[in-house]
Amino acid sequence: MAAHPFAIHNYRAYWIARFASTLANMAMVVVIGWQVYDIARQTMGVQQAALQLGLIGVAQFLPLLVLSLVAGWVADRIDRRWIVRASIVLELGCAAALAWLTANDAITLPALFGIAALLGVARAFVGPALSALSPNLVPAASLPTAIALSGLAWQIGSIGGPAMGGYLYAADHALPYIVSTGLFLLALAMMMMVTPVPRANIKTGAHPFAQMADGLRYVKRNRLVYGAISLDMFAVLLSGATAMLPIYARDILQIGADGLGHLRAAPAVGAVAVALILSWRPLKTNVGVKMLWSVIGFGIATAIFGWAGPLMTYWWGPSMIGSDVAPAVIVSLVALAALGAFDMVSVYIRSSLIQLYTPDSMRGRVGAVSTLFVSSSNELGEARAGFLAAAIGPVIATAGGGILAILVTALWARIFPELQRARTFDPPVDLAEPIPEETKT
């Protein structure tokens, strides 16, 4: 019987570090988005301010675009623990800088954009290193459960982070950044407790650029991995609703910074419920078909959120959370929770397939490609949403994106039949790389 991941010391420390850093990151992201939009609205209209939200997505994505392949190569050549530690130190510095600037009323749009870019640099390196490190900490048989638990850490952080950021910001504008600084310190301390772990090394002799390109070539050759990564990228790129939440909170639902925290937490509420179920009863059969249907559900929930809230606000009017909650707010929160639940199923299956169908010597570089694709969907999705909202309005941009995600899923099911044929997580025999016994204790 496979050991439970929490029975392994290294994994426990890794999980706490992932949770603390996610909680801090999500608290910062929601406050940065709010500050960007709020500062912009002081001198701009809704559509012009929405454009600034799009630009903040670009500022975070460009470092990922430039550095992801380098970061993947580094993750396969250098101790992955130290890459994660160095990235956390950079994030810690960003949180401390934002705390100081906000506390001294010196926060500006250029400062927010610059620090967002630095956070993009940290994310470029920490993503491949974290994803490649997890399989080194547990036996292969425990990996699906470890992935579900890792997703649980991320989702719990995603629940607490936005709500924490919104509430702390309402109490004192610098407080969320101060708390995030402390959480990054905790994450760093936990990562320092992860002991050295054995792993495969990439072959020496080839040119570094050729080794970096190996990750791209591997993903392109493995159509199952390629289809899973690209489906997530295009679905979220076209339908991501989170970038629009400051607009919905401030100008559509009219529920303010506290309400924004609830909106940002709602997807994670649904996701964490699913993650708990998956950590208890992992999926074992028809995983590819279930992933496709989960992405369709994600698109449907996005479309409902995009249209239902504005229409019901028009009919019944807005209401602050904490007094009489308007039907529009309730429907919006339920739609976002459903969105998160479907997304968690997709993330769980995609992450398991990528990790289990990739040899350890390639996991850093394949993880970098996955990070690049995922970040393309997240950061560029925010940019797309901001630019499109500026052009045609936030409601059509959000609801229309959900419909496009459904169409993309139907198309991907035809282009990549390998996704429908993926029955289980069992990898090919030639990819099996057993974890030494010493990692199991």
Protein backbone atom coordinates (compact mmCIF):
# COMPACT_ATOMS: atom_id res chain seq x y z
CA MET A 1 0.00 0.00 0.00
CA ALA A 2 1.37 3.42 -0.97
CA ALA A 3 2.49 5.69 1.85
CA HIS A 4 0.30 8.71 2.47
CA PRO A 5 2.21 11.86 1.42
CA PHE A 6 1.69 13.50 4.83
CA ALA A 7 3.58 10.60 6.40
CA ILE A 8 6.71 11.87 4.61
CA HIS A 9 8.60 14.67 6.38
CA ASN A 10 9.84 16.38 3.22
CA TYR A 11 6.38 16.46 1.70
CA ARG A 12 4.83 17.94 4.85
CA ALA A 13 7.34 20.81 4.83
CA TYR A 14 6.82 21.28 1.09
CA TRP A 15 3.03 21.37 1.53
CA ILE A 16 3.17 24.02 4.28
CA ALA A 17 5.55 26.13 2.19
CA ARG A 18 3.26 25.88 -0.83
CA PHE A 19 0.22 26.79 1.26
CA ALA A 20 1.86 29.78 2.98
CA SER A 21 3.32 31.18 -0.25
CA THR A 22 0.02 30.73 -2.10
CA LEU A 23 -1.90 32.46 0.68
CA ALA A 24 0.54 35.38 0.55
CA ASN A 25 0.56 35.55 -3.24
CA MET A 26 -3.21 35.52 -3.57
CA ALA A 27 -3.61 38.19 -0.91
CA MET A 28 -1.12 40.36 -2.81
CA VAL A 29 -2.66 39.70 -6.23
CA VAL A 30 -6.14 40.76 -5.16
CA VAL A 31 -4.84 43.94 -3.51
CA ILE A 32 -2.57 44.82 -6.45
CA GLY A 33 -5.50 44.43 -8.84
CA TRP A 34 -7.71 46.56 -6.61
CA GLN A 35 -5.06 49.26 -6.20
CA VAL A 36 -4.36 49.39 -9.94
CA TYR A 37 -8.03 49.71 -10.79
CA ASP A 38 -8.81 52.08 -7.92
CA ILE A 39 -5.89 54.42 -8.73
CA ALA A 40 -6.78 54.34 -12.42
CA ARG A 41 -10.46 55.11 -11.75
CA GLN A 42 -9.48 58.34 -10.00
CA THR A 43 -8.51 59.81 -13.35
CA MET A 44 -10.03 57.40 -15.91
CA GLY A 45 -13.35 55.93 -16.93
CA VAL A 46 -14.31 52.27 -16.45
CA GLN A 47 -13.04 51.11 -19.83
CA GLN A 48 -9.73 52.97 -19.57
CA ALA A 49 -9.21 51.59 -16.06
CA ALA A 50 -10.04 48.10 -17.35
CA LEU A 51 -7.22 48.57 -19.84
CA GLN A 52 -4.83 49.06 -16.92
CA LEU A 53 -5.93 45.67 -15.55
CA GLY A 54 -5.03 44.19 -18.92
CA LEU A 55 -1.62 45.84 -18.84
CA ILE A 56 -0.87 44.52 -15.36
CA GLY A 57 -1.42 41.04 -16.77
CA VAL A 58 1.11 41.78 -19.51
CA ALA A 59 3.61 43.04 -16.94
CA GLN A 60 3.42 39.71 -15.09
CA PHE A 61 3.50 37.59 -18.25
CA LEU A 62 6.48 39.05 -20.09
CA PRO A 63 9.07 37.77 -17.55
CA LEU A 64 7.48 34.33 -17.79
CA LEU A 65 7.64 34.41 -21.57
CA VAL A 66 11.32 35.35 -21.55
CA LEU A 67 12.50 33.19 -18.66
CA SER A 68 10.34 30.04 -18.56
CA LEU A 69 12.55 27.82 -20.74
CA VAL A 70 15.65 29.01 -18.89
CA ALA A 71 13.90 28.30 -15.59
CA GLY A 72 13.01 24.78 -16.70
CA TRP A 73 16.60 24.04 -17.70
CA VAL A 74 17.80 25.41 -14.35
CA ALA A 75 15.27 23.20 -12.52
CA ASP A 76 16.80 20.12 -14.18
CA ARG A 77 20.41 21.19 -13.48
CA ILE A 78 20.33 22.83 -10.04
CA ASP A 79 18.94 21.65 -6.72
CA ARG A 80 15.24 22.44 -7.04
CA ARG A 81 14.94 23.26 -3.36
CA TRP A 82 17.30 26.24 -3.72
CA ILE A 83 15.45 27.54 -6.75
CA VAL A 84 12.22 27.59 -4.75
CA ARG A 85 13.98 29.24 -1.81
CA ALA A 86 15.50 31.98 -3.96
CA SER A 87 12.14 32.65 -5.62
CA ILE A 88 10.44 32.97 -2.23
CA VAL A 89 13.11 35.48 -1.15
CA LEU A 90 12.28 37.61 -4.22
CA GLU A 91 8.56 37.40 -3.45
CA LEU A 92 9.28 38.34 0.15
CA GLY A 93 11.15 41.44 -1.04
CA CYS A 94 8.23 42.43 -3.28
CA ALA A 95 5.77 42.08 -0.39
CA ALA A 96 7.97 44.16 1.91
CA ALA A 97 8.37 46.88 -0.74
CA LEU A 98 4.61 47.06 -1.33
CA ALA A 99 4.00 47.24 2.42
CA TRP A 100 6.42 50.17 2.79
CA LEU A 101 5.07 52.05 -0.25
CA THR A 102 1.46 51.60 0.79
CA ALA A 103 2.08 52.52 4.43
CA ASN A 104 3.79 55.75 3.33
CA ASP A 105 1.10 56.65 0.75
CA ALA A 106 3.75 56.37 -1.96
CA ILE A 107 2.08 53.64 -4.03
CA THR A 108 1.79 54.51 -7.73
CA LEU A 109 0.87 52.73 -10.94
CA PRO A 110 4.52 52.52 -12.10
CA ALA A 111 5.52 50.97 -8.76
CA LEU A 112 2.70 48.42 -8.97
CA PHE A 113 3.65 47.52 -12.55
CA GLY A 114 7.34 47.17 -11.69
CA ILE A 115 6.74 44.94 -8.68
CA ALA A 116 4.21 42.88 -10.66
CA ALA A 117 6.97 42.23 -13.21
CA LEU A 118 9.34 41.09 -10.44
CA LEU A 119 6.66 38.74 -9.15
CA GLY A 120 6.48 37.38 -12.70
CA VAL A 121 10.22 36.66 -12.56
CA ALA A 122 9.79 34.75 -9.30
CA ARG A 123 6.87 32.81 -10.71
CA ALA A 124 8.85 31.86 -13.81
CA PHE A 125 11.39 30.03 -11.65
CA VAL A 126 9.26 28.76 -8.79
CA GLY A 127 6.63 27.09 -11.01
CA PRO A 128 8.86 24.53 -12.78
CA ALA A 129 10.94 23.91 -9.66
CA LEU A 130 7.91 23.27 -7.43
CA SER A 131 6.15 21.03 -9.94
CA ALA A 132 9.34 19.03 -10.59
CA LEU A 133 10.19 18.76 -6.89
CA SER A 134 6.93 17.18 -5.77
CA PRO A 135 7.48 13.80 -7.50
CA ASN A 136 10.93 13.58 -5.86
CA LEU A 137 9.37 13.70 -2.40
CA VAL A 138 6.95 10.75 -2.59
CA PRO A 139 6.82 7.25 -4.06
CA ALA A 140 5.33 7.09 -7.56
CA ALA A 141 2.24 5.25 -6.25
CA SER A 142 1.54 8.16 -3.89
CA LEU A 143 1.92 10.85 -6.53
CA PRO A 144 -1.77 11.27 -7.57
CA THR A 145 -2.70 11.77 -3.90
CA ALA A 146 0.25 14.14 -3.45
CA ILE A 147 -0.91 16.16 -6.47
CA ALA A 148 -4.44 16.38 -5.05
CA LEU A 149 -3.06 17.52 -1.69
CA SER A 150 -0.78 20.02 -3.41
CA GLY A 151 -3.81 21.33 -5.27
CA LEU A 152 -5.62 21.48 -1.95
CA ALA A 153 -2.85 23.66 -0.51
CA TRP A 154 -3.12 25.96 -3.50
CA GLN A 155 -6.90 26.12 -3.32
CA ILE A 156 -7.06 26.70 0.44
CA GLY A 157 -4.54 29.49 -0.07
CA SER A 158 -6.72 30.78 -2.88
CA ILE A 159 -9.72 30.81 -0.56
CA GLY A 160 -8.00 32.50 2.34
CA GLY A 161 -5.73 34.79 0.33
CA PRO A 162 -8.28 36.96 -1.50
CA ALA A 163 -10.62 37.17 1.48
CA MET A 164 -7.69 37.90 3.80
CA GLY A 165 -6.35 40.52 1.41
CA GLY A 166 -9.72 42.23 1.10
CA TYR A 167 -10.46 42.28 4.82
CA LEU A 168 -6.94 43.35 5.83
CA TYR A 169 -6.92 46.07 3.17
CA ALA A 170 -10.23 47.38 4.52
CA ALA A 171 -8.68 47.55 8.01
CA ASP A 172 -5.36 49.08 6.91
CA HIS A 173 -4.10 49.40 3.34
CA ALA A 174 -0.58 48.16 4.15
CA LEU A 175 -1.68 45.25 6.36
CA PRO A 176 -2.14 42.59 3.64
CA TYR A 177 1.41 43.17 2.42
CA ILE A 178 2.79 43.03 5.97
CA VAL A 179 1.04 39.70 6.62
CA SER A 180 2.19 38.38 3.23
CA THR A 181 5.78 39.20 4.19
CA GLY A 182 5.40 37.07 7.31
CA LEU A 183 3.87 34.21 5.32
CA PHE A 184 6.75 34.24 2.85
CA LEU A 185 9.13 34.02 5.80
CA LEU A 186 7.24 30.92 6.99
CA ALA A 187 7.38 29.40 3.50
CA LEU A 188 11.11 30.02 3.34
CA ALA A 189 11.63 28.39 6.74
CA MET A 190 9.66 25.31 5.66
CA MET A 191 11.61 24.97 2.41
CA MET A 192 14.84 25.13 4.39
CA MET A 193 13.62 22.02 6.25
CA VAL A 194 13.30 19.93 3.04
CA THR A 195 16.30 17.63 3.01
CA PRO A 196 18.23 16.64 -0.16
CA VAL A 197 16.31 14.24 -2.39
CA PRO A 198 17.60 11.97 -5.17
CA ARG A 199 16.59 12.75 -8.72
CA ALA A 200 17.68 12.08 -12.25
CA ASN A 201 20.03 14.53 -13.98
CA ILE A 202 19.93 15.59 -17.62
CA LYS A 203 22.74 14.34 -19.79
CA THR A 204 25.73 16.62 -20.07
CA GLY A 205 27.44 17.56 -23.31
CA ALA A 206 24.52 19.02 -25.24
CA HIS A 207 24.31 22.77 -25.67
CA PRO A 208 22.13 24.44 -22.98
CA PHE A 209 19.81 25.90 -25.63
CA ALA A 210 19.36 22.45 -27.12
CA GLN A 211 18.58 21.07 -23.68
CA MET A 212 16.02 23.83 -23.13
CA ALA A 213 14.38 23.01 -26.45
CA ASP A 214 14.14 19.35 -25.40
CA GLY A 215 11.22 20.27 -23.16
CA LEU A 216 9.31 21.78 -26.07
CA ARG A 217 10.14 18.81 -28.31
CA TYR A 218 9.03 16.32 -25.67
CA VAL A 219 5.70 18.08 -25.17
CA LYS A 220 5.10 18.24 -28.91
CA ARG A 221 5.87 14.52 -29.34
CA ASN A 222 3.70 13.44 -26.41
CA ARG A 223 0.29 14.32 -27.79
CA LEU A 224 -1.48 13.46 -24.54
CA VAL A 225 0.63 15.95 -22.58
CA TYR A 226 0.47 18.47 -25.44
CA GLY A 227 -3.31 18.23 -25.70
CA ALA A 228 -3.83 18.54 -21.94
CA ILE A 229 -1.57 21.58 -21.58
CA SER A 230 -2.86 23.42 -24.66
CA LEU A 231 -6.52 22.77 -23.79
CA ASP A 232 -6.06 24.42 -20.41
CA MET A 233 -4.19 27.31 -22.00
CA PHE A 234 -6.84 28.17 -24.57
CA ALA A 235 -9.81 27.52 -22.30
CA VAL A 236 -8.57 29.84 -19.55
CA LEU A 237 -7.07 32.32 -22.03
CA LEU A 238 -10.47 32.78 -23.62
CA SER A 239 -12.71 32.50 -20.57
CA GLY A 240 -10.74 33.71 -17.54
CA ALA A 241 -13.13 35.77 -15.41
CA THR A 242 -10.91 36.64 -12.45
CA ALA A 243 -9.38 39.70 -14.13
CA MET A 244 -12.87 41.19 -14.34
CA LEU A 245 -13.66 40.76 -10.65
CA PRO A 246 -12.49 44.26 -9.57
CA ILE A 247 -14.86 45.70 -12.22
CA TYR A 248 -17.72 43.46 -11.11
CA ALA A 249 -17.11 44.27 -7.42
CA ARG A 250 -16.73 48.03 -7.84
CA ASP A 251 -19.00 49.00 -10.71
CA ILE A 252 -21.42 46.14 -11.54
CA LEU A 253 -22.35 44.36 -8.31
CA GLN A 254 -21.21 47.40 -6.28
CA ILE A 255 -19.97 45.42 -3.26
CA GLY A 256 -16.60 47.12 -2.72
CA ALA A 257 -13.25 45.76 -1.53
CA ASP A 258 -14.80 43.37 1.01
CA GLY A 259 -17.07 41.95 -1.67
CA LEU A 260 -14.10 41.56 -3.99
CA GLY A 261 -12.52 39.25 -1.43
CA HIS A 262 -15.66 37.10 -1.48
CA LEU A 263 -15.70 36.99 -5.28
CA ARG A 264 -12.02 36.01 -5.43
CA ALA A 265 -12.53 33.33 -2.78
CA ALA A 266 -15.65 31.78 -4.32
CA PRO A 267 -13.87 29.77 -7.08
CA ALA A 268 -11.49 28.33 -4.52
CA VAL A 269 -14.39 27.32 -2.23
CA GLY A 270 -15.68 25.05 -4.98
CA ALA A 271 -12.18 23.89 -5.87
CA VAL A 272 -11.18 23.02 -2.32
CA ALA A 273 -14.31 20.89 -1.86
CA VAL A 274 -13.36 18.93 -4.98
CA ALA A 275 -9.71 18.73 -3.93
CA LEU A 276 -10.73 17.24 -0.57
CA ILE A 277 -12.79 14.60 -2.35
CA LEU A 278 -9.97 13.82 -4.79
CA SER A 279 -7.40 13.53 -1.99
CA TRP A 280 -9.70 10.99 -0.33
CA ARG A 281 -10.90 9.20 -3.47
CA PRO A 282 -8.56 9.90 -6.41
CA LEU A 283 -9.91 9.48 -9.93
CA LYS A 284 -8.89 6.20 -11.53
CA THR A 285 -10.92 5.65 -14.70
CA ASN A 286 -11.86 7.61 -17.85
CA VAL A 287 -9.69 10.49 -16.73
CA GLY A 288 -9.40 12.07 -20.19
CA VAL A 289 -13.15 12.27 -20.80
CA LYS A 290 -13.70 13.63 -17.30
CA MET A 291 -11.14 16.36 -17.98
CA LEU A 292 -12.93 17.39 -21.18
CA TRP A 293 -16.30 17.59 -19.45
CA SER A 294 -14.81 19.56 -16.56
CA VAL A 295 -13.53 22.21 -18.98
CA ILE A 296 -16.98 22.42 -20.57
CA GLY A 297 -18.46 22.93 -17.10
CA PHE A 298 -15.86 25.63 -16.48
CA GLY A 299 -17.02 27.49 -19.60
CA ILE A 300 -20.71 27.18 -18.69
CA ALA A 301 -20.10 28.52 -15.17
CA THR A 302 -18.06 31.42 -16.57
CA ALA A 303 -20.86 32.37 -18.98
CA ILE A 304 -23.45 32.25 -16.20
CA PHE A 305 -21.32 34.47 -13.97
CA GLY A 306 -20.73 36.93 -16.79
CA TRP A 307 -24.40 37.43 -17.62
CA ALA A 308 -26.42 36.56 -14.51
CA GLY A 309 -24.91 39.07 -12.05
CA PRO A 310 -25.32 42.15 -14.26
CA LEU A 311 -28.84 41.19 -15.37
CA MET A 312 -30.04 40.49 -11.84
CA THR A 313 -28.39 43.65 -10.54
CA TYR A 314 -30.36 45.57 -13.15
CA TRP A 315 -33.60 43.90 -12.02
CA TRP A 316 -33.17 43.90 -8.24
CA GLY A 317 -30.34 46.36 -7.62
CA PRO A 318 -27.03 45.88 -5.76
CA SER A 319 -26.63 45.02 -2.10
CA MET A 320 -23.60 44.92 0.15
CA ILE A 321 -22.45 41.57 1.52
CA GLY A 322 -23.04 41.64 5.24
CA SER A 323 -26.51 43.20 5.03
CA ASP A 324 -29.26 41.86 2.77
CA VAL A 325 -27.40 39.95 0.07
CA ALA A 326 -28.83 40.66 -3.37
CA PRO A 327 -29.79 37.72 -5.63
CA ALA A 328 -27.20 38.94 -8.12
CA VAL A 329 -24.42 38.48 -5.55
CA ILE A 330 -25.64 35.01 -4.56
CA VAL A 331 -25.85 33.79 -8.15
CA SER A 332 -22.42 35.26 -8.91
CA LEU A 333 -20.84 33.51 -5.94
CA VAL A 334 -22.47 30.17 -6.80
CA ALA A 335 -21.35 30.44 -10.44
CA LEU A 336 -17.79 31.25 -9.37
CA ALA A 337 -17.77 28.33 -6.91
CA ALA A 338 -18.92 25.98 -9.69
CA LEU A 339 -16.23 27.44 -11.95
CA GLY A 340 -13.59 26.60 -9.36
CA ALA A 341 -14.92 23.08 -8.82
CA PHE A 342 -14.75 22.23 -12.51
CA ASP A 343 -11.33 23.85 -12.83
CA MET A 344 -9.97 21.75 -9.95
CA VAL A 345 -10.96 18.52 -11.71
CA SER A 346 -9.21 19.71 -14.86
CA VAL A 347 -6.09 20.82 -12.97
CA TYR A 348 -5.92 17.56 -11.02
CA ILE A 349 -6.13 15.38 -14.12
CA ARG A 350 -3.80 17.53 -16.20
CA SER A 351 -1.17 17.76 -13.46
CA SER A 352 -1.26 14.02 -12.83
CA LEU A 353 -0.92 13.19 -16.52
CA ILE A 354 1.98 15.60 -16.98
CA GLN A 355 3.87 14.42 -13.90
CA LEU A 356 3.32 10.71 -14.44
CA TYR A 357 3.91 10.74 -18.21
CA THR A 358 7.19 12.68 -17.93
CA PRO A 359 10.54 11.16 -16.85
CA ASP A 360 12.18 12.89 -13.89
CA SER A 361 15.13 14.09 -15.96
CA MET A 362 12.68 16.11 -18.07
CA ARG A 363 10.24 17.30 -15.40
CA GLY A 364 11.86 20.71 -14.90
CA ARG A 365 11.78 21.57 -18.60
CA VAL A 366 8.35 20.08 -19.23
CA GLY A 367 7.15 21.88 -16.10
CA ALA A 368 8.54 25.11 -17.57
CA VAL A 369 6.57 24.55 -20.77
CA SER A 370 3.47 23.83 -18.68
CA THR A 371 4.11 26.97 -16.60
CA LEU A 372 4.50 29.00 -19.78
CA PHE A 373 1.23 27.64 -21.17
CA VAL A 374 -0.62 28.08 -17.88
CA SER A 375 0.77 31.58 -17.38
CA SER A 376 -0.17 32.40 -20.95
CA SER A 377 -3.72 31.47 -20.04
CA ASN A 378 -3.67 33.31 -16.70
CA GLU A 379 -1.68 36.49 -17.30
CA LEU A 380 -2.48 36.84 -21.01
CA GLY A 381 -6.05 35.86 -20.19
CA GLU A 382 -6.18 38.81 -17.81
CA ALA A 383 -4.70 41.03 -20.50
CA ARG A 384 -7.20 39.72 -23.07
CA ALA A 385 -10.07 40.28 -20.67
CA GLY A 386 -8.91 43.80 -19.84
CA PHE A 387 -8.36 44.80 -23.46
CA LEU A 388 -11.63 43.22 -24.61
CA ALA A 389 -13.54 44.81 -21.73
CA ALA A 390 -12.14 48.16 -22.79
CA ALA A 391 -13.38 47.52 -26.32
CA ILE A 392 -16.78 45.86 -25.88
CA GLY A 393 -17.49 46.01 -22.13
CA PRO A 394 -16.75 43.61 -19.25
CA VAL A 395 -20.04 41.68 -19.39
CA ILE A 396 -19.76 40.58 -23.02
CA ALA A 397 -16.03 39.94 -22.62
CA THR A 398 -16.62 37.63 -19.63
CA ALA A 399 -19.72 35.74 -20.78
CA GLY A 400 -18.49 35.43 -24.35
CA GLY A 401 -15.23 33.98 -23.09
CA GLY A 402 -17.10 31.17 -21.35
CA ILE A 403 -18.88 30.26 -24.58
CA LEU A 404 -15.57 30.25 -26.46
CA ALA A 405 -14.09 27.86 -23.87
CA ILE A 406 -16.88 25.36 -24.60
CA LEU A 407 -16.24 25.58 -28.34
CA VAL A 408 -12.48 25.13 -27.86
CA THR A 409 -13.06 21.99 -25.76
CA ALA A 410 -15.22 20.44 -28.48
CA LEU A 411 -12.52 21.25 -31.03
CA TRP A 412 -9.72 19.82 -28.86
CA ALA A 413 -11.64 16.57 -28.38
CA ARG A 414 -11.42 16.10 -32.16
CA ILE A 415 -7.84 17.34 -32.65
CA PHE A 416 -6.46 15.29 -29.73
CA PRO A 417 -8.35 11.98 -29.58
CA GLU A 418 -5.61 10.84 -27.16
CA LEU A 419 -7.42 12.82 -24.47
CA GLN A 420 -10.57 10.73 -24.82
CA ARG A 421 -8.52 7.53 -24.91
CA ALA A 422 -6.71 8.32 -21.61
CA ARG A 423 -8.37 5.82 -19.28
CA THR A 424 -6.04 5.84 -16.26
CA PHE A 425 -2.98 7.65 -14.89
CA ASP A 426 -0.73 4.62 -15.45
CA PRO A 427 2.32 5.86 -17.41
CA PRO A 428 4.19 3.90 -20.08
CA VAL A 429 6.59 1.32 -18.63
CA ASP A 430 9.66 3.08 -20.02
CA LEU A 431 8.88 6.18 -17.93
CA ALA A 432 8.85 4.37 -14.62
CA GLU A 433 11.57 5.77 -12.38
CA PRO A 434 11.03 4.34 -8.87
CA ILE A 435 11.74 6.62 -5.96
CA PRO A 436 14.43 5.22 -3.63
CA GLU A 437 13.25 3.82 -0.35
CA GLU A 438 14.91 6.56 1.72
CA THR A 439 12.41 9.14 0.40
CA LYS A 440 9.52 7.20 1.84
CA THR A 441 10.29 7.95 5.46
